[in-house]
Amino acid sequence: MTSIAESAAEKRDVYPVFRGLTELGVSNADLAQALSTSPAAVTAWRSGESRMPARLIAFLTLILDALVERRGAESAVVGSLFQGLNEAGQTRILRARDNLQQQQAFNCGFDRAQMEAGLRLFLSWRNRNVFAGRRFAGVERGQAADIGRLDMVAT
């Protein structure tokens, strides 16, 4: 096992979306800022100490999806140009993608209204240029394509 899989953060997270975001370097402080809440609230949601609203889980799932897609594409380009250069990064992206898939399966149990509320939060958040921060770099590219794809998901 690698040190990533043995991390304390992975053992305590209740929702796979948190594990995926951690793999990509998103901290509790980053999440608190994105969710307009305190880092303590994020910690409580991560550990299961407090119940996280479904709309916020859907919102974080969309963030993880966007990050995995962008960073995966960037990693593929780097990997094709320089063999073996970015293996650790590719491993993190694969783990994040696995956690994304687990979270998406979990989200199938949410009602449509909660999923739509999460989508509205995501689109509003992204349009406020929150992705410009270093942890979310790369997501703002392809914004128009994402909006079209996400609109299809919501209908």
C-alpha atoms as a PDB file:
ATOM      1  CA  MET A   1       0.000   0.000   0.000  1.00  0.00           C
ATOM      2  CA  THR A   2       1.120   3.501  -0.686  1.00  0.00           C
ATOM      3  CA  SER A   3       1.222   6.299   1.813  1.00  0.00           C
ATOM      4  CA  ILE A   4      -1.708   7.958   0.011  1.00  0.00           C
ATOM      5  CA  ALA A   5      -4.008   5.001   0.703  1.00  0.00           C
ATOM      6  CA  GLU A   6      -2.831   4.836   4.302  1.00  0.00           C
ATOM      7  CA  SER A   7      -3.525   8.500   5.042  1.00  0.00           C
ATOM      8  CA  ALA A   8      -5.688   9.341   8.022  1.00  0.00           C
ATOM      9  CA  ALA A   9      -7.880  11.564   5.847  1.00  0.00           C
ATOM     10  CA  GLU A  10      -8.967   8.613   3.710  1.00  0.00           C
ATOM     11  CA  LYS A  11      -9.863   6.509   6.759  1.00  0.00           C
ATOM     12  CA  ARG A  12     -12.124   9.124   8.324  1.00  0.00           C
ATOM     13  CA  ASP A  13     -14.022  10.461   5.295  1.00  0.00           C
ATOM     14  CA  VAL A  14     -17.645   9.364   5.142  1.00  0.00           C
ATOM     15  CA  TYR A  15     -18.312  10.412   1.545  1.00  0.00           C
ATOM     16  CA  PRO A  16     -16.118   9.305  -1.381  1.00  0.00           C
ATOM     17  CA  VAL A  17     -16.259  12.834  -2.825  1.00  0.00           C
ATOM     18  CA  PHE A  18     -14.070  14.059   0.039  1.00  0.00           C
ATOM     19  CA  ARG A  19     -11.468  11.366  -0.625  1.00  0.00           C
ATOM     20  CA  GLY A  20     -11.422  12.300  -4.311  1.00  0.00           C
ATOM     21  CA  LEU A  21     -10.995  15.991  -3.601  1.00  0.00           C
ATOM     22  CA  THR A  22      -8.210  15.217  -1.123  1.00  0.00           C
ATOM     23  CA  GLU A  23      -6.391  13.178  -3.800  1.00  0.00           C
ATOM     24  CA  LEU A  24      -6.407  16.291  -5.982  1.00  0.00           C
ATOM     25  CA  GLY A  25      -5.063  18.536  -3.224  1.00  0.00           C
ATOM     26  CA  VAL A  26      -8.246  20.323  -2.183  1.00  0.00           C
ATOM     27  CA  SER A  27      -8.093  21.171   1.537  1.00  0.00           C
ATOM     28  CA  ASN A  28     -10.810  21.694   4.138  1.00  0.00           C
ATOM     29  CA  ALA A  29     -10.123  25.437   3.947  1.00  0.00           C
ATOM     30  CA  ASP A  30     -10.661  25.357   0.151  1.00  0.00           C
ATOM     31  CA  LEU A  31     -13.914  23.450   0.615  1.00  0.00           C
ATOM     32  CA  ALA A  32     -15.096  25.787   3.373  1.00  0.00           C
ATOM     33  CA  GLN A  33     -14.527  28.745   1.073  1.00  0.00           C
ATOM     34  CA  ALA A  34     -16.369  27.053  -1.823  1.00  0.00           C
ATOM     35  CA  LEU A  35     -19.269  26.082   0.453  1.00  0.00           C
ATOM     36  CA  SER A  36     -19.344  29.452   2.279  1.00  0.00           C
ATOM     37  CA  THR A  37     -18.987  27.735   5.618  1.00  0.00           C
ATOM     38  CA  SER A  38     -16.367  27.125   8.286  1.00  0.00           C
ATOM     39  CA  PRO A  39     -13.577  24.531   8.119  1.00  0.00           C
ATOM     40  CA  ALA A  40     -15.064  23.028  11.317  1.00  0.00           C
ATOM     41  CA  ALA A  41     -18.354  22.371   9.483  1.00  0.00           C
ATOM     42  CA  VAL A  42     -16.463  20.679   6.644  1.00  0.00           C
ATOM     43  CA  THR A  43     -14.590  18.518   9.151  1.00  0.00           C
ATOM     44  CA  ALA A  44     -17.879  17.514  10.795  1.00  0.00           C
ATOM     45  CA  TRP A  45     -19.366  16.562   7.416  1.00  0.00           C
ATOM     46  CA  ARG A  46     -16.260  14.618   6.412  1.00  0.00           C
ATOM     47  CA  SER A  47     -16.280  12.545   9.585  1.00  0.00           C
ATOM     48  CA  GLY A  48     -20.040  11.953   9.648  1.00  0.00           C
ATOM     49  CA  GLU A  49     -20.356  13.872  12.893  1.00  0.00           C
ATOM     50  CA  SER A  50     -22.868  16.140  11.161  1.00  0.00           C
ATOM     51  CA  ARG A  51     -25.174  15.304   8.262  1.00  0.00           C
ATOM     52  CA  MET A  52     -24.307  17.034   5.002  1.00  0.00           C
ATOM     53  CA  PRO A  53     -27.218  18.330   2.873  1.00  0.00           C
ATOM     54  CA  ALA A  54     -27.709  16.376  -0.354  1.00  0.00           C
ATOM     55  CA  ARG A  55     -27.506  19.532  -2.481  1.00  0.00           C
ATOM     56  CA  LEU A  56     -24.010  20.217  -1.120  1.00  0.00           C
ATOM     57  CA  ILE A  57     -22.910  16.646  -1.791  1.00  0.00           C
ATOM     58  CA  ALA A  58     -24.174  17.009  -5.368  1.00  0.00           C
ATOM     59  CA  PHE A  59     -22.327  20.339  -5.629  1.00  0.00           C
ATOM     60  CA  LEU A  60     -19.022  18.814  -4.459  1.00  0.00           C
ATOM     61  CA  THR A  61     -19.526  15.862  -6.801  1.00  0.00           C
ATOM     62  CA  LEU A  62     -19.750  18.264  -9.748  1.00  0.00           C
ATOM     63  CA  ILE A  63     -16.588  20.038  -8.585  1.00  0.00           C
ATOM     64  CA  LEU A  64     -14.760  16.713  -8.359  1.00  0.00           C
ATOM     65  CA  ASP A  65     -16.049  15.692 -11.787  1.00  0.00           C
ATOM     66  CA  ALA A  66     -14.772  18.922 -13.342  1.00  0.00           C
ATOM     67  CA  LEU A  67     -11.379  18.610 -11.645  1.00  0.00           C
ATOM     68  CA  VAL A  68     -10.923  14.958 -12.621  1.00  0.00           C
ATOM     69  CA  GLU A  69     -11.830  15.706 -16.224  1.00  0.00           C
ATOM     70  CA  ARG A  70      -9.486  18.693 -16.552  1.00  0.00           C
ATOM     71  CA  ARG A  71      -6.548  17.271 -14.660  1.00  0.00           C
ATOM     72  CA  GLY A  72      -6.937  13.898 -16.338  1.00  0.00           C
ATOM     73  CA  ALA A  73      -6.732  15.505 -19.776  1.00  0.00           C
ATOM     74  CA  GLU A  74      -3.709  17.561 -18.755  1.00  0.00           C
ATOM     75  CA  SER A  75      -2.000  14.511 -17.249  1.00  0.00           C
ATOM     76  CA  ALA A  76      -2.611  12.470 -20.402  1.00  0.00           C
ATOM     77  CA  VAL A  77      -0.917  15.121 -22.519  1.00  0.00           C
ATOM     78  CA  VAL A  78       2.089  15.328 -20.189  1.00  0.00           C
ATOM     79  CA  GLY A  79       2.302  11.524 -19.999  1.00  0.00           C
ATOM     80  CA  SER A  80       2.253  11.169 -23.777  1.00  0.00           C
ATOM     81  CA  LEU A  81       5.071  13.679 -24.160  1.00  0.00           C
ATOM     82  CA  PHE A  82       7.263  12.545 -21.266  1.00  0.00           C
ATOM     83  CA  GLN A  83       6.940   8.875 -20.329  1.00  0.00           C
ATOM     84  CA  GLY A  84       6.983   8.290 -16.558  1.00  0.00           C
ATOM     85  CA  LEU A  85       7.158  11.973 -15.685  1.00  0.00           C
ATOM     86  CA  ASN A  86       3.793  12.266 -14.009  1.00  0.00           C
ATOM     87  CA  GLU A  87       3.042   8.768 -12.664  1.00  0.00           C
ATOM     88  CA  ALA A  88       2.213   9.961  -9.135  1.00  0.00           C
ATOM     89  CA  GLY A  89      -0.164  12.556 -10.556  1.00  0.00           C
ATOM     90  CA  GLN A  90      -1.834   9.966 -12.757  1.00  0.00           C
ATOM     91  CA  THR A  91      -2.285   7.648  -9.774  1.00  0.00           C
ATOM     92  CA  ARG A  92      -3.954  10.446  -7.811  1.00  0.00           C
ATOM     93  CA  ILE A  93      -6.275  11.199 -10.729  1.00  0.00           C
ATOM     94  CA  LEU A  94      -7.221   7.523 -11.028  1.00  0.00           C
ATOM     95  CA  ARG A  95      -8.020   7.372  -7.302  1.00  0.00           C
ATOM     96  CA  ALA A  96     -10.007  10.579  -7.536  1.00  0.00           C
ATOM     97  CA  ARG A  97     -11.934   9.150 -10.509  1.00  0.00           C
ATOM     98  CA  ASP A  98     -12.711   5.965  -8.549  1.00  0.00           C
ATOM     99  CA  ASN A  99     -14.038   8.044  -5.662  1.00  0.00           C
ATOM    100  CA  LEU A 100     -16.054  10.148  -8.112  1.00  0.00           C
ATOM    101  CA  GLN A 101     -17.718   7.032  -9.518  1.00  0.00           C
ATOM    102  CA  GLN A 102     -18.542   5.775  -6.026  1.00  0.00           C
ATOM    103  CA  GLN A 103     -20.040   9.150  -5.116  1.00  0.00           C
ATOM    104  CA  GLN A 104     -22.060   9.320  -8.326  1.00  0.00           C
ATOM    105  CA  ALA A 105     -23.560   5.903  -7.553  1.00  0.00           C
ATOM    106  CA  PHE A 106     -24.418   7.117  -4.046  1.00  0.00           C
ATOM    107  CA  ASN A 107     -26.001  10.276  -5.462  1.00  0.00           C
ATOM    108  CA  CYS A 108     -28.485   8.209  -7.475  1.00  0.00           C
ATOM    109  CA  GLY A 109     -30.490   7.975  -4.260  1.00  0.00           C
ATOM    110  CA  PHE A 110     -31.011  11.749  -4.106  1.00  0.00           C
ATOM    111  CA  ASP A 111     -34.229  13.251  -5.358  1.00  0.00           C
ATOM    112  CA  ARG A 112     -34.196  15.374  -8.488  1.00  0.00           C
ATOM    113  CA  ALA A 113     -34.756  18.659  -6.636  1.00  0.00           C
ATOM    114  CA  GLN A 114     -31.605  18.142  -4.546  1.00  0.00           C
ATOM    115  CA  MET A 115     -29.529  17.305  -7.617  1.00  0.00           C
ATOM    116  CA  GLU A 116     -30.832  20.376  -9.452  1.00  0.00           C
ATOM    117  CA  ALA A 117     -30.074  22.557  -6.417  1.00  0.00           C
ATOM    118  CA  GLY A 118     -26.508  21.192  -6.407  1.00  0.00           C
ATOM    119  CA  LEU A 119     -26.181  21.921 -10.122  1.00  0.00           C
ATOM    120  CA  ARG A 120     -27.387  25.513  -9.623  1.00  0.00           C
ATOM    121  CA  LEU A 121     -24.868  25.979  -6.807  1.00  0.00           C
ATOM    122  CA  PHE A 122     -22.085  24.630  -9.001  1.00  0.00           C
ATOM    123  CA  LEU A 123     -22.907  26.853 -11.974  1.00  0.00           C
ATOM    124  CA  SER A 124     -23.245  29.923  -9.767  1.00  0.00           C
ATOM    125  CA  TRP A 125     -20.004  29.116  -7.947  1.00  0.00           C
ATOM    126  CA  ARG A 126     -18.075  28.597 -11.152  1.00  0.00           C
ATOM    127  CA  ASN A 127     -19.467  31.756 -12.719  1.00  0.00           C
ATOM    128  CA  ARG A 128     -18.149  33.759  -9.746  1.00  0.00           C
ATOM    129  CA  ASN A 129     -14.636  32.737 -10.874  1.00  0.00           C
ATOM    130  CA  VAL A 130     -13.945  30.747  -7.735  1.00  0.00           C
ATOM    131  CA  PHE A 131     -12.072  28.282  -9.946  1.00  0.00           C
ATOM    132  CA  ALA A 132      -9.356  30.883 -10.407  1.00  0.00           C
ATOM    133  CA  GLY A 133      -7.752  29.735  -7.134  1.00  0.00           C
ATOM    134  CA  ARG A 134      -4.713  27.477  -7.297  1.00  0.00           C
ATOM    135  CA  ARG A 135      -6.554  24.358  -6.064  1.00  0.00           C
ATOM    136  CA  PHE A 136      -9.209  24.634  -8.756  1.00  0.00           C
ATOM    137  CA  ALA A 137      -6.898  25.730 -11.578  1.00  0.00           C
ATOM    138  CA  GLY A 138      -7.793  24.342 -14.963  1.00  0.00           C
ATOM    139  CA  VAL A 139     -11.515  23.986 -14.395  1.00  0.00           C
ATOM    140  CA  GLU A 140     -12.511  27.320 -15.898  1.00  0.00           C
ATOM    141  CA  ARG A 141     -11.306  26.119 -19.297  1.00  0.00           C
ATOM    142  CA  GLY A 142     -14.075  24.331 -21.102  1.00  0.00           C
ATOM    143  CA  GLN A 143     -16.692  26.154 -19.069  1.00  0.00           C
ATOM    144  CA  ALA A 144     -19.086  26.530 -22.016  1.00  0.00           C
ATOM    145  CA  ALA A 145     -18.859  22.823 -22.860  1.00  0.00           C
ATOM    146  CA  ASP A 146     -19.472  21.894 -19.231  1.00  0.00           C
ATOM    147  CA  ILE A 147     -22.535  24.112 -19.001  1.00  0.00           C
ATOM    148  CA  GLY A 148     -24.033  22.418 -22.054  1.00  0.00           C
ATOM    149  CA  ARG A 149     -23.259  18.962 -20.656  1.00  0.00           C
ATOM    150  CA  LEU A 150     -24.548  19.786 -17.194  1.00  0.00           C
ATOM    151  CA  ASP A 151     -27.738  21.307 -18.595  1.00  0.00           C
ATOM    152  CA  MET A 152     -28.403  17.991 -20.340  1.00  0.00           C
ATOM    153  CA  VAL A 153     -27.893  16.124 -17.068  1.00  0.00           C
ATOM    154  CA  ALA A 154     -30.360  18.372 -15.262  1.00  0.00           C
ATOM    155  CA  THR A 155     -33.141  17.856 -17.780  1.00  0.00           C
END
